[in-house]
N, C-alpha and C. Protein backbone atom coordinates (compact mmCIF):
# COMPACT_ATOMS: atom_id res chain seq x y z
N MET A 1 -31.86 1.38 -43.62
CA MET A 1 -31.54 2.58 -42.88
C MET A 1 -31.83 2.40 -41.39
N GLU A 2 -32.91 1.70 -41.10
CA GLU A 2 -33.29 1.44 -39.72
C GLU A 2 -32.21 0.61 -39.00
N THR A 3 -31.67 -0.40 -39.66
CA THR A 3 -30.65 -1.25 -39.05
C THR A 3 -29.36 -0.48 -38.81
N LEU A 4 -29.04 0.45 -39.69
CA LEU A 4 -27.84 1.26 -39.51
C LEU A 4 -27.97 2.14 -38.28
N GLN A 5 -29.15 2.67 -38.03
CA GLN A 5 -29.38 3.50 -36.85
C GLN A 5 -29.30 2.65 -35.59
N ILE A 6 -29.84 1.46 -35.62
CA ILE A 6 -29.78 0.56 -34.46
C ILE A 6 -28.33 0.18 -34.17
N LEU A 7 -27.56 -0.13 -35.22
CA LEU A 7 -26.14 -0.46 -35.03
C LEU A 7 -25.37 0.72 -34.47
N GLY A 8 -25.72 1.94 -34.89
CA GLY A 8 -25.08 3.14 -34.35
C GLY A 8 -25.34 3.30 -32.86
N TRP A 9 -26.59 3.06 -32.43
CA TRP A 9 -26.91 3.15 -31.01
C TRP A 9 -26.19 2.07 -30.20
N ILE A 10 -26.12 0.89 -30.78
CA ILE A 10 -25.39 -0.20 -30.09
C ILE A 10 -23.92 0.17 -29.95
N TYR A 11 -23.33 0.68 -31.03
CA TYR A 11 -21.92 1.10 -31.00
C TYR A 11 -21.70 2.19 -29.96
N LEU A 12 -22.60 3.18 -29.92
CA LEU A 12 -22.51 4.26 -28.94
C LEU A 12 -22.65 3.71 -27.51
N GLY A 13 -23.54 2.77 -27.30
CA GLY A 13 -23.72 2.17 -25.98
C GLY A 13 -22.49 1.40 -25.53
N ILE A 14 -21.86 0.69 -26.47
CA ILE A 14 -20.64 -0.05 -26.13
C ILE A 14 -19.52 0.91 -25.76
N ILE A 15 -19.36 1.99 -26.52
CA ILE A 15 -18.31 2.97 -26.24
C ILE A 15 -18.54 3.63 -24.88
N LEU A 16 -19.77 4.10 -24.64
CA LEU A 16 -20.06 4.76 -23.36
C LEU A 16 -19.96 3.79 -22.19
N GLY A 17 -20.39 2.57 -22.37
CA GLY A 17 -20.30 1.57 -21.31
C GLY A 17 -18.86 1.23 -20.96
N SER A 18 -18.03 1.11 -21.97
CA SER A 18 -16.62 0.79 -21.69
C SER A 18 -15.93 1.97 -21.00
N MET A 19 -16.23 3.19 -21.41
CA MET A 19 -15.64 4.35 -20.73
C MET A 19 -16.12 4.44 -19.28
N GLY A 20 -17.39 4.17 -19.06
CA GLY A 20 -17.92 4.19 -17.70
C GLY A 20 -17.31 3.12 -16.82
N SER A 21 -17.09 1.95 -17.39
CA SER A 21 -16.47 0.87 -16.60
C SER A 21 -15.03 1.20 -16.26
N VAL A 22 -14.31 1.83 -17.18
CA VAL A 22 -12.93 2.23 -16.89
C VAL A 22 -12.90 3.25 -15.75
N VAL A 23 -13.79 4.21 -15.78
CA VAL A 23 -13.86 5.22 -14.71
C VAL A 23 -14.24 4.56 -13.39
N GLY A 24 -15.22 3.67 -13.41
CA GLY A 24 -15.64 2.99 -12.19
C GLY A 24 -14.53 2.14 -11.59
N LEU A 25 -13.85 1.38 -12.40
CA LEU A 25 -12.76 0.55 -11.90
C LEU A 25 -11.61 1.39 -11.35
N SER A 26 -11.33 2.51 -12.00
CA SER A 26 -10.24 3.35 -11.51
C SER A 26 -10.60 3.97 -10.16
N LEU A 27 -11.86 4.30 -9.94
CA LEU A 27 -12.27 4.83 -8.63
C LEU A 27 -12.11 3.79 -7.54
N PHE A 28 -12.42 2.54 -7.83
CA PHE A 28 -12.22 1.48 -6.84
C PHE A 28 -10.74 1.24 -6.57
N GLN A 29 -9.91 1.33 -7.59
CA GLN A 29 -8.48 1.10 -7.42
C GLN A 29 -7.81 2.22 -6.64
N VAL A 30 -8.30 3.44 -6.76
CA VAL A 30 -7.71 4.56 -6.01
C VAL A 30 -7.83 4.31 -4.52
N ARG A 31 -8.96 3.82 -4.08
CA ARG A 31 -9.15 3.52 -2.66
C ARG A 31 -8.21 2.40 -2.22
N ASN A 32 -8.07 1.38 -3.05
CA ASN A 32 -7.21 0.25 -2.73
C ASN A 32 -5.75 0.70 -2.66
N VAL A 33 -5.33 1.53 -3.59
CA VAL A 33 -3.95 2.01 -3.60
C VAL A 33 -3.68 2.86 -2.37
N ALA A 34 -4.63 3.69 -1.98
CA ALA A 34 -4.46 4.52 -0.79
C ALA A 34 -4.31 3.65 0.46
N ASP A 35 -5.09 2.58 0.56
CA ASP A 35 -4.95 1.66 1.70
C ASP A 35 -3.59 0.99 1.71
N LEU A 36 -3.13 0.58 0.55
CA LEU A 36 -1.82 -0.08 0.47
C LEU A 36 -0.69 0.89 0.82
N LYS A 37 -0.80 2.14 0.38
CA LYS A 37 0.23 3.13 0.72
C LYS A 37 0.25 3.40 2.22
N ALA A 38 -0.91 3.44 2.85
CA ALA A 38 -0.97 3.64 4.30
C ALA A 38 -0.34 2.45 5.02
N GLU A 39 -0.58 1.25 4.52
CA GLU A 39 0.01 0.07 5.15
C GLU A 39 1.53 0.07 4.99
N ILE A 40 2.01 0.48 3.83
CA ILE A 40 3.46 0.57 3.61
C ILE A 40 4.07 1.59 4.57
N ARG A 41 3.41 2.73 4.74
CA ARG A 41 3.91 3.76 5.65
C ARG A 41 3.97 3.23 7.08
N ASP A 42 2.92 2.49 7.51
CA ASP A 42 2.91 1.92 8.86
C ASP A 42 4.02 0.88 9.03
N LEU A 43 4.24 0.06 8.02
CA LEU A 43 5.28 -0.96 8.11
C LEU A 43 6.67 -0.34 8.14
N ARG A 44 6.87 0.74 7.39
CA ARG A 44 8.17 1.43 7.43
C ARG A 44 8.43 2.03 8.80
N LEU A 45 7.40 2.61 9.40
CA LEU A 45 7.54 3.16 10.75
C LEU A 45 7.86 2.05 11.75
N GLN A 46 7.16 0.93 11.62
CA GLN A 46 7.41 -0.20 12.51
C GLN A 46 8.83 -0.73 12.33
N ARG A 47 9.29 -0.80 11.09
CA ARG A 47 10.66 -1.26 10.84
C ARG A 47 11.67 -0.32 11.46
N GLN A 48 11.45 0.99 11.36
CA GLN A 48 12.37 1.96 11.93
C GLN A 48 12.40 1.85 13.45
N LEU A 49 11.23 1.67 14.06
CA LEU A 49 11.20 1.53 15.52
C LEU A 49 11.90 0.26 15.97
N LEU A 50 11.73 -0.82 15.21
CA LEU A 50 12.41 -2.07 15.57
C LEU A 50 13.92 -1.95 15.38
N LYS A 51 14.35 -1.22 14.34
CA LYS A 51 15.79 -1.00 14.16
C LYS A 51 16.38 -0.25 15.34
N GLU A 52 15.66 0.80 15.77
CA GLU A 52 16.15 1.56 16.92
C GLU A 52 16.19 0.71 18.17
N GLU A 53 15.21 -0.16 18.34
CA GLU A 53 15.20 -1.04 19.52
C GLU A 53 16.37 -2.01 19.48
N VAL A 54 16.63 -2.59 18.32
CA VAL A 54 17.75 -3.52 18.19
C VAL A 54 19.07 -2.79 18.43
N PHE A 55 19.20 -1.60 17.89
CA PHE A 55 20.42 -0.83 18.08
C PHE A 55 20.61 -0.47 19.55
N ARG A 56 19.52 -0.11 20.22
CA ARG A 56 19.60 0.23 21.63
C ARG A 56 20.00 -0.99 22.47
N LEU A 57 19.48 -2.15 22.11
CA LEU A 57 19.80 -3.35 22.87
C LEU A 57 21.22 -3.82 22.62
N THR A 58 21.71 -3.65 21.40
CA THR A 58 23.09 -4.08 21.12
C THR A 58 24.10 -3.05 21.56
N LYS A 59 23.69 -1.83 21.84
CA LYS A 59 24.62 -0.79 22.26
C LYS A 59 25.05 -0.97 23.71
N ARG A 60 24.24 -1.68 24.48
CA ARG A 60 24.58 -1.91 25.88
C ARG A 60 25.90 -2.65 25.99
N GLY A 61 26.62 -2.36 27.05
CA GLY A 61 27.90 -3.02 27.27
C GLY A 61 27.72 -4.47 27.69
N LYS A 62 28.83 -5.16 27.67
CA LYS A 62 28.83 -6.55 28.07
C LYS A 62 28.62 -6.62 29.58
N PRO A 63 27.74 -7.50 30.05
CA PRO A 63 27.54 -7.61 31.50
C PRO A 63 28.80 -8.12 32.19
N PHE A 64 29.05 -7.61 33.36
CA PHE A 64 30.25 -8.02 34.09
C PHE A 64 29.83 -8.63 35.43
N LEU A 65 30.74 -9.42 35.96
CA LEU A 65 30.49 -10.06 37.24
C LEU A 65 30.85 -9.10 38.36
N ILE A 66 30.18 -9.25 39.46
CA ILE A 66 30.49 -8.38 40.60
C ILE A 66 31.88 -8.69 41.13
N SER A 67 32.32 -9.92 40.99
CA SER A 67 33.67 -10.26 41.47
C SER A 67 34.74 -9.56 40.66
N ASP A 68 34.47 -9.15 39.43
CA ASP A 68 35.45 -8.42 38.63
C ASP A 68 35.67 -7.01 39.18
N ILE A 69 34.74 -6.47 39.89
CA ILE A 69 34.87 -5.10 40.40
C ILE A 69 35.89 -5.07 41.53
N TYR A 70 35.93 -6.05 42.39
CA TYR A 70 36.78 -6.03 43.57
C TYR A 70 38.20 -6.48 43.32
N TYR A 71 38.54 -6.95 42.17
CA TYR A 71 39.91 -7.40 41.91
C TYR A 71 40.70 -6.41 41.16
């Protein structure tokens, strides 16, 4: 009877420990996911700004020579 009680406590400890580790790991992952989402948001903003810059630079007309104006 004594061994059955000891095995029950061991089983309970394993169950509670595994649940605690799952909760602990998920809390660490939430912070990591939030950092990654912030980085994705920053990179998307940077990509949009670079697209606008490229579009602005390509929208300019072709440079012309001053001699073309007088003829």
